[in-house]
Amino acid sequence: MKIIAMLVHLPCFLFLGWVMRENTFLSQVVKIDKGRDHQVVTTGPYALVRHPMYTVVIVLLFAVPVALGSRFALILAVFLTLLLIIRTYLEDRTLHAELEGYPEYAKQTQYRLIPGIW
């Protein structure tokens, strides 16, 4: 199981690279970058879910404790996942209110983190 968890990292990092290539507006804080003509990104992984970076981070949050064999880290992964889900909700609310075209995108791409589920 540990080896599988370690092998999960490579595709996750490749997916993160794809997310970053598609969305040059990524930021540590939720903000609309009007100085750079911030626009809704609908291509690549953003055609599947609205917050693909968080999806990958959540997978990594669970892969690390399994790879390390750490139950304590697994508890931390659950806590951090809950925080990311809350952040996703709050970020989505901000983008709906402040980013032109986001409500239409949200109707088209209905799922936030997991295609077909949420």
PDB file of N, CA and C in Angstrom:
ATOM      1  N   MET A   1       0.813  -1.194   0.000  1.00  0.00           N
ATOM      2  CA  MET A   1       0.000   0.000   0.000  1.00  0.00           C
ATOM      3  C   MET A   1       0.869   1.275   0.000  1.00  0.00           C
ATOM      4  N   LYS A   2       1.988   1.219   0.719  1.00  0.00           N
ATOM      5  CA  LYS A   2       2.865   2.383   0.788  1.00  0.00           C
ATOM      6  C   LYS A   2       3.445   2.716  -0.591  1.00  0.00           C
ATOM      7  N   ILE A   3       3.792   1.699  -1.341  1.00  0.00           N
ATOM      8  CA  ILE A   3       4.369   1.936  -2.669  1.00  0.00           C
ATOM      9  C   ILE A   3       3.335   2.566  -3.595  1.00  0.00           C
ATOM     10  N   ILE A   4       2.115   2.078  -3.539  1.00  0.00           N
ATOM     11  CA  ILE A   4       1.046   2.657  -4.362  1.00  0.00           C
ATOM     12  C   ILE A   4       0.850   4.126  -3.996  1.00  0.00           C
ATOM     13  N   ALA A   5       0.834   4.418  -2.700  1.00  0.00           N
ATOM     14  CA  ALA A   5       0.672   5.803  -2.249  1.00  0.00           C
ATOM     15  C   ALA A   5       1.808   6.680  -2.758  1.00  0.00           C
ATOM     16  N   MET A   6       3.023   6.149  -2.776  1.00  0.00           N
ATOM     17  CA  MET A   6       4.153   6.919  -3.303  1.00  0.00           C
ATOM     18  C   MET A   6       4.024   7.127  -4.808  1.00  0.00           C
ATOM     19  N   LEU A   7       3.537   6.103  -5.504  1.00  0.00           N
ATOM     20  CA  LEU A   7       3.374   6.210  -6.954  1.00  0.00           C
ATOM     21  C   LEU A   7       2.271   7.192  -7.352  1.00  0.00           C
ATOM     22  N   VAL A   8       1.348   7.447  -6.452  1.00  0.00           N
ATOM     23  CA  VAL A   8       0.272   8.405  -6.717  1.00  0.00           C
ATOM     24  C   VAL A   8       0.838   9.820  -6.857  1.00  0.00           C
ATOM     25  N   HIS A   9       1.957  10.087  -6.217  1.00  0.00           N
ATOM     26  CA  HIS A   9       2.525  11.434  -6.227  1.00  0.00           C
ATOM     27  C   HIS A   9       2.877  11.934  -7.626  1.00  0.00           C
ATOM     28  N   LEU A  10       3.485  11.110  -8.441  1.00  0.00           N
ATOM     29  CA  LEU A  10       3.924  11.566  -9.768  1.00  0.00           C
ATOM     30  C   LEU A  10       2.763  12.063 -10.623  1.00  0.00           C
ATOM     31  N   PRO A  11       1.695  11.283 -10.813  1.00  0.00           N
ATOM     32  CA  PRO A  11       0.597  11.823 -11.617  1.00  0.00           C
ATOM     33  C   PRO A  11      -0.048  13.056 -10.979  1.00  0.00           C
ATOM     34  N   CYS A  12      -0.053  13.115  -9.645  1.00  0.00           N
ATOM     35  CA  CYS A  12      -0.610  14.293  -8.985  1.00  0.00           C
ATOM     36  C   CYS A  12       0.212  15.544  -9.298  1.00  0.00           C
ATOM     37  N   PHE A  13       1.538  15.411  -9.250  1.00  0.00           N
ATOM     38  CA  PHE A  13       2.381  16.566  -9.560  1.00  0.00           C
ATOM     39  C   PHE A  13       2.266  16.959 -11.027  1.00  0.00           C
ATOM     40  N   LEU A  14       2.126  15.998 -11.909  1.00  0.00           N
ATOM     41  CA  LEU A  14       1.896  16.299 -13.327  1.00  0.00           C
ATOM     42  C   LEU A  14       0.570  17.017 -13.510  1.00  0.00           C
ATOM     43  N   PHE A  15      -0.448  16.565 -12.807  1.00  0.00           N
ATOM     44  CA  PHE A  15      -1.765  17.206 -12.877  1.00  0.00           C
ATOM     45  C   PHE A  15      -1.693  18.633 -12.330  1.00  0.00           C
ATOM     46  N   LEU A  16      -0.949  18.831 -11.239  1.00  0.00           N
ATOM     47  CA  LEU A  16      -0.771  20.181 -10.696  1.00  0.00           C
ATOM     48  C   LEU A  16      -0.095  21.096 -11.713  1.00  0.00           C
ATOM     49  N   GLY A  17       0.886  20.566 -12.426  1.00  0.00           N
ATOM     50  CA  GLY A  17       1.533  21.352 -13.476  1.00  0.00           C
ATOM     51  C   GLY A  17       0.559  21.749 -14.559  1.00  0.00           C
ATOM     52  N   TRP A  18      -0.330  20.839 -14.918  1.00  0.00           N
ATOM     53  CA  TRP A  18      -1.360  21.125 -15.921  1.00  0.00           C
ATOM     54  C   TRP A  18      -2.303  22.220 -15.421  1.00  0.00           C
ATOM     55  N   VAL A  19      -2.700  22.135 -14.154  1.00  0.00           N
ATOM     56  CA  VAL A  19      -3.573  23.147 -13.555  1.00  0.00           C
ATOM     57  C   VAL A  19      -2.899  24.512 -13.615  1.00  0.00           C
ATOM     58  N   MET A  20      -1.616  24.565 -13.227  1.00  0.00           N
ATOM     59  CA  MET A  20      -0.895  25.839 -13.210  1.00  0.00           C
ATOM     60  C   MET A  20      -0.685  26.397 -14.616  1.00  0.00           C
ATOM     61  N   ARG A  21      -0.500  25.515 -15.585  1.00  0.00           N
ATOM     62  CA  ARG A  21      -0.329  25.979 -16.965  1.00  0.00           C
ATOM     63  C   ARG A  21      -1.630  26.574 -17.504  1.00  0.00           C
ATOM     64  N   GLU A  22      -2.748  25.972 -17.154  1.00  0.00           N
ATOM     65  CA  GLU A  22      -4.041  26.450 -17.643  1.00  0.00           C
ATOM     66  C   GLU A  22      -4.488  27.741 -16.961  1.00  0.00           C
ATOM     67  N   ASN A  23      -4.202  27.860 -15.673  1.00  0.00           N
ATOM     68  CA  ASN A  23      -4.695  29.008 -14.921  1.00  0.00           C
ATOM     69  C   ASN A  23      -3.537  29.834 -14.380  1.00  0.00           C
ATOM     70  N   THR A  24      -3.195  30.870 -15.109  1.00  0.00           N
ATOM     71  CA  THR A  24      -2.092  31.746 -14.688  1.00  0.00           C
ATOM     72  C   THR A  24      -2.543  32.741 -13.620  1.00  0.00           C
ATOM     73  N   PHE A  25      -3.824  32.694 -13.237  1.00  0.00           N
ATOM     74  CA  PHE A  25      -4.335  33.598 -12.211  1.00  0.00           C
ATOM     75  C   PHE A  25      -4.324  32.971 -10.821  1.00  0.00           C
ATOM     76  N   LEU A  26      -3.755  31.767 -10.686  1.00  0.00           N
ATOM     77  CA  LEU A  26      -3.699  31.119  -9.370  1.00  0.00           C
ATOM     78  C   LEU A  26      -3.002  32.026  -8.371  1.00  0.00           C
ATOM     79  N   SER A  27      -3.533  32.023  -7.146  1.00  0.00           N
ATOM     80  CA  SER A  27      -2.990  32.880  -6.111  1.00  0.00           C
ATOM     81  C   SER A  27      -3.180  32.214  -4.759  1.00  0.00           C
ATOM     82  N   GLN A  28      -2.363  32.580  -3.789  1.00  0.00           N
ATOM     83  CA  GLN A  28      -2.500  32.032  -2.441  1.00  0.00           C
ATOM     84  C   GLN A  28      -3.737  32.565  -1.738  1.00  0.00           C
ATOM     85  N   VAL A  29      -4.161  33.740  -2.149  1.00  0.00           N
ATOM     86  CA  VAL A  29      -5.357  34.351  -1.571  1.00  0.00           C
ATOM     87  C   VAL A  29      -6.418  34.495  -2.661  1.00  0.00           C
ATOM     88  N   VAL A  30      -7.672  34.502  -2.234  1.00  0.00           N
ATOM     89  CA  VAL A  30      -8.765  34.657  -3.188  1.00  0.00           C
ATOM     90  C   VAL A  30      -8.865  36.129  -3.551  1.00  0.00           C
ATOM     91  N   LYS A  31      -8.547  36.415  -4.807  1.00  0.00           N
ATOM     92  CA  LYS A  31      -8.639  37.802  -5.277  1.00  0.00           C
ATOM     93  C   LYS A  31      -8.823  37.790  -6.785  1.00  0.00           C
ATOM     94  N   ILE A  32      -9.462  38.821  -7.276  1.00  0.00           N
ATOM     95  CA  ILE A  32      -9.631  38.998  -8.709  1.00  0.00           C
ATOM     96  C   ILE A  32      -8.521  39.936  -9.158  1.00  0.00           C
ATOM     97  N   ASP A  33      -7.691  39.477 -10.066  1.00  0.00           N
ATOM     98  CA  ASP A  33      -6.531  40.238 -10.519  1.00  0.00           C
ATOM     99  C   ASP A  33      -6.918  41.107 -11.714  1.00  0.00           C
ATOM    100  N   LYS A  34      -7.542  42.243 -11.422  1.00  0.00           N
ATOM    101  CA  LYS A  34      -8.035  43.126 -12.481  1.00  0.00           C
ATOM    102  C   LYS A  34      -6.897  43.757 -13.268  1.00  0.00           C
ATOM    103  N   GLY A  35      -5.740  43.901 -12.647  1.00  0.00           N
ATOM    104  CA  GLY A  35      -4.582  44.462 -13.327  1.00  0.00           C
ATOM    105  C   GLY A  35      -4.085  43.576 -14.463  1.00  0.00           C
ATOM    106  N   ARG A  36      -4.384  42.285 -14.384  1.00  0.00           N
ATOM    107  CA  ARG A  36      -3.971  41.338 -15.432  1.00  0.00           C
ATOM    108  C   ARG A  36      -5.160  40.834 -16.244  1.00  0.00           C
ATOM    109  N   ASP A  37      -6.289  41.560 -16.171  1.00  0.00           N
ATOM    110  CA  ASP A  37      -7.489  41.183 -16.923  1.00  0.00           C
ATOM    111  C   ASP A  37      -7.935  39.761 -16.575  1.00  0.00           C
ATOM    112  N   HIS A  38      -8.138  39.536 -15.296  1.00  0.00           N
ATOM    113  CA  HIS A  38      -8.534  38.219 -14.773  1.00  0.00           C
ATOM    114  C   HIS A  38      -9.788  37.714 -15.486  1.00  0.00           C
ATOM    115  N   GLN A  39      -9.707  36.504 -16.000  1.00  0.00           N
ATOM    116  CA  GLN A  39     -10.827  35.900 -16.716  1.00  0.00           C
ATOM    117  C   GLN A  39     -11.065  34.491 -16.195  1.00  0.00           C
ATOM    118  N   VAL A  40     -12.255  33.996 -16.451  1.00  0.00           N
ATOM    119  CA  VAL A  40     -12.596  32.626 -16.067  1.00  0.00           C
ATOM    120  C   VAL A  40     -11.821  31.659 -16.961  1.00  0.00           C
ATOM    121  N   VAL A  41     -11.219  30.648 -16.354  1.00  0.00           N
ATOM    122  CA  VAL A  41     -10.504  29.609 -17.094  1.00  0.00           C
ATOM    123  C   VAL A  41     -11.448  28.411 -17.209  1.00  0.00           C
ATOM    124  N   THR A  42     -11.689  27.972 -18.441  1.00  0.00           N
ATOM    125  CA  THR A  42     -12.636  26.878 -18.665  1.00  0.00           C
ATOM    126  C   THR A  42     -12.008  25.690 -19.384  1.00  0.00           C
ATOM    127  N   THR A  43     -10.710  25.754 -19.611  1.00  0.00           N
ATOM    128  CA  THR A  43     -10.037  24.716 -20.391  1.00  0.00           C
ATOM    129  C   THR A  43      -9.285  23.744 -19.487  1.00  0.00           C
ATOM    130  N   GLY A  44      -8.831  22.659 -20.077  1.00  0.00           N
ATOM    131  CA  GLY A  44      -8.040  21.677 -19.349  1.00  0.00           C
ATOM    132  C   GLY A  44      -8.823  21.098 -18.185  1.00  0.00           C
ATOM    133  N   PRO A  45      -8.197  20.996 -17.012  1.00  0.00           N
ATOM    134  CA  PRO A  45      -8.879  20.402 -15.857  1.00  0.00           C
ATOM    135  C   PRO A  45     -10.069  21.235 -15.377  1.00  0.00           C
ATOM    136  N   TYR A  46     -10.090  22.511 -15.749  1.00  0.00           N
ATOM    137  CA  TYR A  46     -11.200  23.386 -15.353  1.00  0.00           C
ATOM    138  C   TYR A  46     -12.478  23.073 -16.122  1.00  0.00           C
ATOM    139  N   ALA A  47     -12.386  22.257 -17.139  1.00  0.00           N
ATOM    140  CA  ALA A  47     -13.584  21.785 -17.837  1.00  0.00           C
ATOM    141  C   ALA A  47     -14.232  20.641 -17.054  1.00  0.00           C
ATOM    142  N   LEU A  48     -13.486  20.033 -16.134  1.00  0.00           N
ATOM    143  CA  LEU A  48     -13.998  18.905 -15.341  1.00  0.00           C
ATOM    144  C   LEU A  48     -14.563  19.351 -14.001  1.00  0.00           C
ATOM    145  N   VAL A  49     -13.800  20.172 -13.287  1.00  0.00           N
ATOM    146  CA  VAL A  49     -14.218  20.701 -11.984  1.00  0.00           C
ATOM    147  C   VAL A  49     -13.743  22.143 -11.862  1.00  0.00           C
ATOM    148  N   ARG A  50     -14.392  22.887 -10.977  1.00  0.00           N
ATOM    149  CA  ARG A  50     -14.050  24.308 -10.844  1.00  0.00           C
ATOM    150  C   ARG A  50     -12.796  24.550 -10.005  1.00  0.00           C
ATOM    151  N   HIS A  51     -12.407  23.600  -9.188  1.00  0.00           N
ATOM    152  CA  HIS A  51     -11.235  23.785  -8.325  1.00  0.00           C
ATOM    153  C   HIS A  51     -10.319  22.559  -8.400  1.00  0.00           C
ATOM    154  N   PRO A  52      -9.747  22.299  -9.575  1.00  0.00           N
ATOM    155  CA  PRO A  52      -8.941  21.084  -9.731  1.00  0.00           C
ATOM    156  C   PRO A  52      -7.682  21.051  -8.875  1.00  0.00           C
ATOM    157  N   MET A  53      -7.110  22.202  -8.566  1.00  0.00           N
ATOM    158  CA  MET A  53      -5.902  22.208  -7.741  1.00  0.00           C
ATOM    159  C   MET A  53      -6.211  21.656  -6.351  1.00  0.00           C
ATOM    160  N   TYR A  54      -7.351  22.034  -5.788  1.00  0.00           N
ATOM    161  CA  TYR A  54      -7.727  21.533  -4.471  1.00  0.00           C
ATOM    162  C   TYR A  54      -7.994  20.027  -4.515  1.00  0.00           C
ATOM    163  N   THR A  55      -8.548  19.560  -5.623  1.00  0.00           N
ATOM    164  CA  THR A  55      -8.791  18.124  -5.778  1.00  0.00           C
ATOM    165  C   THR A  55      -7.468  17.356  -5.668  1.00  0.00           C
ATOM    166  N   VAL A  56      -6.465  17.818  -6.383  1.00  0.00           N
ATOM    167  CA  VAL A  56      -5.158  17.154  -6.363  1.00  0.00           C
ATOM    168  C   VAL A  56      -4.508  17.268  -4.992  1.00  0.00           C
ATOM    169  N   VAL A  57      -4.614  18.415  -4.376  1.00  0.00           N
ATOM    170  CA  VAL A  57      -4.015  18.599  -3.047  1.00  0.00           C
ATOM    171  C   VAL A  57      -4.664  17.639  -2.043  1.00  0.00           C
ATOM    172  N   ILE A  58      -5.967  17.445  -2.140  1.00  0.00           N
ATOM    173  CA  ILE A  58      -6.654  16.516  -1.238  1.00  0.00           C
ATOM    174  C   ILE A  58      -6.158  15.088  -1.456  1.00  0.00           C
ATOM    175  N   VAL A  59      -5.984  14.698  -2.705  1.00  0.00           N
ATOM    176  CA  VAL A  59      -5.436  13.360  -2.980  1.00  0.00           C
ATOM    177  C   VAL A  59      -4.046  13.232  -2.353  1.00  0.00           C
ATOM    178  N   LEU A  60      -3.224  14.253  -2.524  1.00  0.00           N
ATOM    179  CA  LEU A  60      -1.876  14.224  -1.939  1.00  0.00           C
ATOM    180  C   LEU A  60      -1.913  14.219  -0.415  1.00  0.00           C
ATOM    181  N   LEU A  61      -2.875  14.939   0.163  1.00  0.00           N
ATOM    182  CA  LEU A  61      -2.995  14.963   1.621  1.00  0.00           C
ATOM    183  C   LEU A  61      -3.218  13.566   2.191  1.00  0.00           C
ATOM    184  N   PHE A  62      -3.889  12.706   1.434  1.00  0.00           N
ATOM    185  CA  PHE A  62      -4.129  11.343   1.907  1.00  0.00           C
ATOM    186  C   PHE A  62      -3.037  10.376   1.458  1.00  0.00           C
ATOM    187  N   ALA A  63      -2.374  10.672   0.354  1.00  0.00           N
ATOM    188  CA  ALA A  63      -1.302   9.791  -0.127  1.00  0.00           C
ATOM    189  C   ALA A  63      -0.078   9.861   0.776  1.00  0.00           C
ATOM    190  N   VAL A  64       0.231  11.028   1.295  1.00  0.00           N
ATOM    191  CA  VAL A  64       1.421  11.188   2.136  1.00  0.00           C
ATOM    192  C   VAL A  64       1.339  10.343   3.411  1.00  0.00           C
ATOM    193  N   PRO A  65       0.243  10.426   4.183  1.00  0.00           N
ATOM    194  CA  PRO A  65       0.205   9.599   5.397  1.00  0.00           C
ATOM    195  C   PRO A  65       0.226   8.099   5.108  1.00  0.00           C
ATOM    196  N   VAL A  66      -0.410   7.688   4.015  1.00  0.00           N
ATOM    197  CA  VAL A  66      -0.381   6.269   3.666  1.00  0.00           C
ATOM    198  C   VAL A  66       1.046   5.867   3.296  1.00  0.00           C
ATOM    199  N   ALA A  67       1.724   6.693   2.512  1.00  0.00           N
ATOM    200  CA  ALA A  67       3.100   6.394   2.119  1.00  0.00           C
ATOM    201  C   ALA A  67       4.019   6.334   3.340  1.00  0.00           C
ATOM    202  N   LEU A  68       3.755   7.180   4.333  1.00  0.00           N
ATOM    203  CA  LEU A  68       4.585   7.211   5.536  1.00  0.00           C
ATOM    204  C   LEU A  68       4.139   6.208   6.595  1.00  0.00           C
ATOM    205  N   GLY A  69       2.926   5.685   6.418  1.00  0.00           N
ATOM    206  CA  GLY A  69       2.387   4.777   7.432  1.00  0.00           C
ATOM    207  C   GLY A  69       2.053   5.501   8.723  1.00  0.00           C
ATOM    208  N   SER A  70       1.592   6.734   8.621  1.00  0.00           N
ATOM    209  CA  SER A  70       1.337   7.568   9.795  1.00  0.00           C
ATOM    210  C   SER A  70      -0.162   7.802   9.997  1.00  0.00           C
ATOM    211  N   ARG A  71      -0.687   7.250  11.075  1.00  0.00           N
ATOM    212  CA  ARG A  71      -2.105   7.481  11.400  1.00  0.00           C
ATOM    213  C   ARG A  71      -2.326   8.910  11.867  1.00  0.00           C
ATOM    214  N   PHE A  72      -1.361   9.467  12.566  1.00  0.00           N
ATOM    215  CA  PHE A  72      -1.484  10.856  13.009  1.00  0.00           C
ATOM    216  C   PHE A  72      -1.608  11.788  11.797  1.00  0.00           C
ATOM    217  N   ALA A  73      -0.777  11.563  10.788  1.00  0.00           N
ATOM    218  CA  ALA A  73      -0.830  12.392   9.575  1.00  0.00           C
ATOM    219  C   ALA A  73      -2.159  12.205   8.842  1.00  0.00           C
ATOM    220  N   LEU A  74      -2.753  11.038   8.968  1.00  0.00           N
ATOM    221  CA  LEU A  74      -4.059  10.787   8.350  1.00  0.00           C
ATOM    222  C   LEU A  74      -5.140  11.644   9.018  1.00  0.00           C
ATOM    223  N   ILE A  75      -5.058  11.777  10.326  1.00  0.00           N
ATOM    224  CA  ILE A  75      -5.995  12.649  11.048  1.00  0.00           C
ATOM    225  C   ILE A  75      -5.812  14.091  10.586  1.00  0.00           C
ATOM    226  N   LEU A  76      -4.580  14.502  10.444  1.00  0.00           N
ATOM    227  CA  LEU A  76      -4.279  15.845   9.948  1.00  0.00           C
ATOM    228  C   LEU A  76      -4.808  16.026   8.525  1.00  0.00           C
ATOM    229  N   ALA A  77      -4.698  15.007   7.698  1.00  0.00           N
ATOM    230  CA  ALA A  77      -5.200  15.066   6.315  1.00  0.00           C
ATOM    231  C   ALA A  77      -6.710  15.289   6.295  1.00  0.00           C
ATOM    232  N   VAL A  78      -7.419  14.626   7.188  1.00  0.00           N
ATOM    233  CA  VAL A  78      -8.876  14.820   7.265  1.00  0.00           C
ATOM    234  C   VAL A  78      -9.186  16.260   7.649  1.00  0.00           C
ATOM    235  N   PHE A  79      -8.495  16.773   8.646  1.00  0.00           N
ATOM    236  CA  PHE A  79      -8.704  18.151   9.089  1.00  0.00           C
ATOM    237  C   PHE A  79      -8.405  19.152   7.965  1.00  0.00           C
ATOM    238  N   LEU A  80      -7.271  18.983   7.300  1.00  0.00           N
ATOM    239  CA  LEU A  80      -6.896  19.905   6.220  1.00  0.00           C
ATOM    240  C   LEU A  80      -7.857  19.789   5.036  1.00  0.00           C
ATOM    241  N   THR A  81      -8.369  18.605   4.777  1.00  0.00           N
ATOM    242  CA  THR A  81      -9.353  18.429   3.705  1.00  0.00           C
ATOM    243  C   THR A  81     -10.622  19.200   4.026  1.00  0.00           C
ATOM    244  N   LEU A  82     -11.065  19.131   5.268  1.00  0.00           N
ATOM    245  CA  LEU A  82     -12.249  19.903   5.670  1.00  0.00           C
ATOM    246  C   LEU A  82     -12.012  21.401   5.476  1.00  0.00           C
ATOM    247  N   LEU A  83     -10.822  21.858   5.829  1.00  0.00           N
ATOM    248  CA  LEU A  83     -10.492  23.275   5.621  1.00  0.00           C
ATOM    249  C   LEU A  83     -10.511  23.633   4.133  1.00  0.00           C
ATOM    250  N   LEU A  84      -9.992  22.750   3.284  1.00  0.00           N
ATOM    251  CA  LEU A  84     -10.004  23.012   1.838  1.00  0.00           C
ATOM    252  C   LEU A  84     -11.427  23.027   1.285  1.00  0.00           C
ATOM    253  N   ILE A  85     -12.277  22.176   1.802  1.00  0.00           N
ATOM    254  CA  ILE A  85     -13.674  22.175   1.352  1.00  0.00           C
ATOM    255  C   ILE A  85     -14.358  23.483   1.737  1.00  0.00           C
ATOM    256  N   ILE A  86     -14.094  23.961   2.947  1.00  0.00           N
ATOM    257  CA  ILE A  86     -14.639  25.256   3.368  1.00  0.00           C
ATOM    258  C   ILE A  86     -14.080  26.368   2.498  1.00  0.00           C
ATOM    259  N   ARG A  87     -12.782  26.335   2.237  1.00  0.00           N
ATOM    260  CA  ARG A  87     -12.168  27.358   1.375  1.00  0.00           C
ATOM    261  C   ARG A  87     -12.779  27.331  -0.019  1.00  0.00           C
ATOM    262  N   THR A  88     -13.030  26.140  -0.539  1.00  0.00           N
ATOM    263  CA  THR A  88     -13.634  26.013  -1.861  1.00  0.00           C
ATOM    264  C   THR A  88     -14.997  26.690  -1.883  1.00  0.00           C
ATOM    265  N   TYR A  89     -15.782  26.443  -0.853  1.00  0.00           N
ATOM    266  CA  TYR A  89     -17.104  27.068  -0.759  1.00  0.00           C
ATOM    267  C   TYR A  89     -16.986  28.593  -0.723  1.00  0.00           C
ATOM    268  N   LEU A  90     -16.108  29.110   0.127  1.00  0.00           N
ATOM    269  CA  LEU A  90     -15.938  30.565   0.245  1.00  0.00           C
ATOM    270  C   LEU A  90     -15.360  31.172  -1.031  1.00  0.00           C
ATOM    271  N   GLU A  91     -14.407  30.497  -1.639  1.00  0.00           N
ATOM    272  CA  GLU A  91     -13.814  30.989  -2.883  1.00  0.00           C
ATOM    273  C   GLU A  91     -14.857  31.022  -3.997  1.00  0.00           C
ATOM    274  N   ASP A  92     -15.652  29.984  -4.074  1.00  0.00           N
ATOM    275  CA  ASP A  92     -16.701  29.927  -5.086  1.00  0.00           C
ATOM    276  C   ASP A  92     -17.673  31.101  -4.915  1.00  0.00           C
ATOM    277  N   ARG A  93     -18.007  31.398  -3.675  1.00  0.00           N
ATOM    278  CA  ARG A  93     -18.922  32.513  -3.390  1.00  0.00           C
ATOM    279  C   ARG A  93     -18.321  33.843  -3.859  1.00  0.00           C
ATOM    280  N   THR A  94     -17.027  34.037  -3.584  1.00  0.00           N
ATOM    281  CA  THR A  94     -16.347  35.260  -4.015  1.00  0.00           C
ATOM    282  C   THR A  94     -16.290  35.354  -5.539  1.00  0.00           C
ATOM    283  N   LEU A  95     -15.934  34.261  -6.192  1.00  0.00           N
ATOM    284  CA  LEU A  95     -15.839  34.274  -7.649  1.00  0.00           C
ATOM    285  C   LEU A  95     -17.194  34.526  -8.305  1.00  0.00           C
ATOM    286  N   HIS A  96     -18.255  33.954  -7.738  1.00  0.00           N
ATOM    287  CA  HIS A  96     -19.599  34.223  -8.261  1.00  0.00           C
ATOM    288  C   HIS A  96     -19.908  35.725  -8.200  1.00  0.00           C
ATOM    289  N   ALA A  97     -19.529  36.350  -7.093  1.00  0.00           N
ATOM    290  CA  ALA A  97     -19.860  37.756  -6.874  1.00  0.00           C
ATOM    291  C   ALA A  97     -18.963  38.717  -7.642  1.00  0.00           C
ATOM    292  N   GLU A  98     -17.691  38.359  -7.848  1.00  0.00           N
ATOM    293  CA  GLU A  98     -16.734  39.345  -8.343  1.00  0.00           C
ATOM    294  C   GLU A  98     -16.129  39.076  -9.716  1.00  0.00           C
ATOM    295  N   LEU A  99     -16.183  37.835 -10.200  1.00  0.00           N
ATOM    296  CA  LEU A  99     -15.527  37.520 -11.464  1.00  0.00           C
ATOM    297  C   LEU A  99     -16.560  37.387 -12.578  1.00  0.00           C
ATOM    298  N   GLU A 100     -16.464  38.276 -13.532  1.00  0.00           N
ATOM    299  CA  GLU A 100     -17.402  38.279 -14.649  1.00  0.00           C
ATOM    300  C   GLU A 100     -17.325  36.960 -15.419  1.00  0.00           C
ATOM    301  N   GLY A 101     -18.488  36.362 -15.648  1.00  0.00           N
ATOM    302  CA  GLY A 101     -18.568  35.122 -16.399  1.00  0.00           C
ATOM    303  C   GLY A 101     -18.517  33.872 -15.529  1.00  0.00           C
ATOM    304  N   TYR A 102     -18.193  34.041 -14.241  1.00  0.00           N
ATOM    305  CA  TYR A 102     -18.073  32.869 -13.375  1.00  0.00           C
ATOM    306  C   TYR A 102     -19.416  32.173 -13.120  1.00  0.00           C
ATOM    307  N   PRO A 103     -20.508  32.909 -12.905  1.00  0.00           N
ATOM    308  CA  PRO A 103     -21.788  32.215 -12.703  1.00  0.00           C
ATOM    309  C   PRO A 103     -22.170  31.324 -13.896  1.00  0.00           C
ATOM    310  N   GLU A 104     -21.894  31.789 -15.104  1.00  0.00           N
ATOM    311  CA  GLU A 104     -22.191  30.986 -16.295  1.00  0.00           C
ATOM    312  C   GLU A 104     -21.294  29.745 -16.339  1.00  0.00           C
ATOM    313  N   TYR A 105     -20.032  29.942 -16.006  1.00  0.00           N
ATOM    314  CA  TYR A 105     -19.092  28.817 -15.957  1.00  0.00           C
ATOM    315  C   TYR A 105     -19.539  27.793 -14.921  1.00  0.00           C
ATOM    316  N   ALA A 106     -19.989  28.282 -13.754  1.00  0.00           N
ATOM    317  CA  ALA A 106     -20.433  27.384 -12.685  1.00  0.00           C
ATOM    318  C   ALA A 106     -21.656  26.578 -13.108  1.00  0.00           C
ATOM    319  N   LYS A 107     -22.505  27.153 -13.932  1.00  0.00           N
ATOM    320  CA  LYS A 107     -23.655  26.399 -14.444  1.00  0.00           C
ATOM    321  C   LYS A 107     -23.196  25.319 -15.420  1.00  0.00           C
ATOM    322  N   GLN A 108     -22.184  25.650 -16.219  1.00  0.00           N
ATOM    323  CA  GLN A 108     -21.651  24.711 -17.210  1.00  0.00           C
ATOM    324  C   GLN A 108     -20.815  23.615 -16.542  1.00  0.00           C
ATOM    325  N   THR A 109     -19.963  24.003 -15.611  1.00  0.00           N
ATOM    326  CA  THR A 109     -19.109  23.066 -14.876  1.00  0.00           C
ATOM    327  C   THR A 109     -19.664  23.008 -13.458  1.00  0.00           C
ATOM    328  N   GLN A 110     -20.565  22.083 -13.246  1.00  0.00           N
ATOM    329  CA  GLN A 110     -21.355  22.066 -12.007  1.00  0.00           C
ATOM    330  C   GLN A 110     -20.583  21.618 -10.780  1.00  0.00           C
ATOM    331  N   TYR A 111     -19.537  20.835 -10.963  1.00  0.00           N
ATOM    332  CA  TYR A 111     -18.884  20.215  -9.811  1.00  0.00           C
ATOM    333  C   TYR A 111     -17.659  21.005  -9.356  1.00  0.00           C
ATOM    334  N   ARG A 112     -17.504  21.131  -8.044  1.00  0.00           N
ATOM    335  CA  ARG A 112     -16.395  21.890  -7.495  1.00  0.00           C
ATOM    336  C   ARG A 112     -15.108  21.081  -7.407  1.00  0.00           C
ATOM    337  N   LEU A 113     -15.202  19.860  -6.865  1.00  0.00           N
ATOM    338  CA  LEU A 113     -13.989  19.093  -6.604  1.00  0.00           C
ATOM    339  C   LEU A 113     -13.960  17.711  -7.263  1.00  0.00           C
ATOM    340  N   ILE A 114     -15.097  17.038  -7.290  1.00  0.00           N
ATOM    341  CA  ILE A 114     -15.146  15.664  -7.794  1.00  0.00           C
ATOM    342  C   ILE A 114     -16.195  15.554  -8.895  1.00  0.00           C
ATOM    343  N   PRO A 115     -15.779  15.276 -10.123  1.00  0.00           N
ATOM    344  CA  PRO A 115     -16.761  15.174 -11.219  1.00  0.00           C
ATOM    345  C   PRO A 115     -17.864  14.162 -10.894  1.00  0.00           C
ATOM    346  N   GLY A 116     -19.094  14.585 -11.099  1.00  0.00           N
ATOM    347  CA  GLY A 116     -20.239  13.717 -10.882  1.00  0.00           C
ATOM    348  C   GLY A 116     -20.707  13.610  -9.442  1.00  0.00           C
ATOM    349  N   ILE A 117     -19.941  14.194  -8.512  1.00  0.00           N
ATOM    350  CA  ILE A 117     -20.313  14.081  -7.081  1.00  0.00           C
ATOM    351  C   ILE A 117     -20.528  15.445  -6.428  1.00  0.00           C
ATOM    352  N   TRP A 118     -19.462  16.290  -6.411  1.00  0.00           N
ATOM    353  CA  TRP A 118     -19.585  17.611  -5.768  1.00  0.00           C
ATOM    354  C   TRP A 118     -18.624  18.589  -6.381  1.00  0.00           C
TER     355      TRP A 118
END
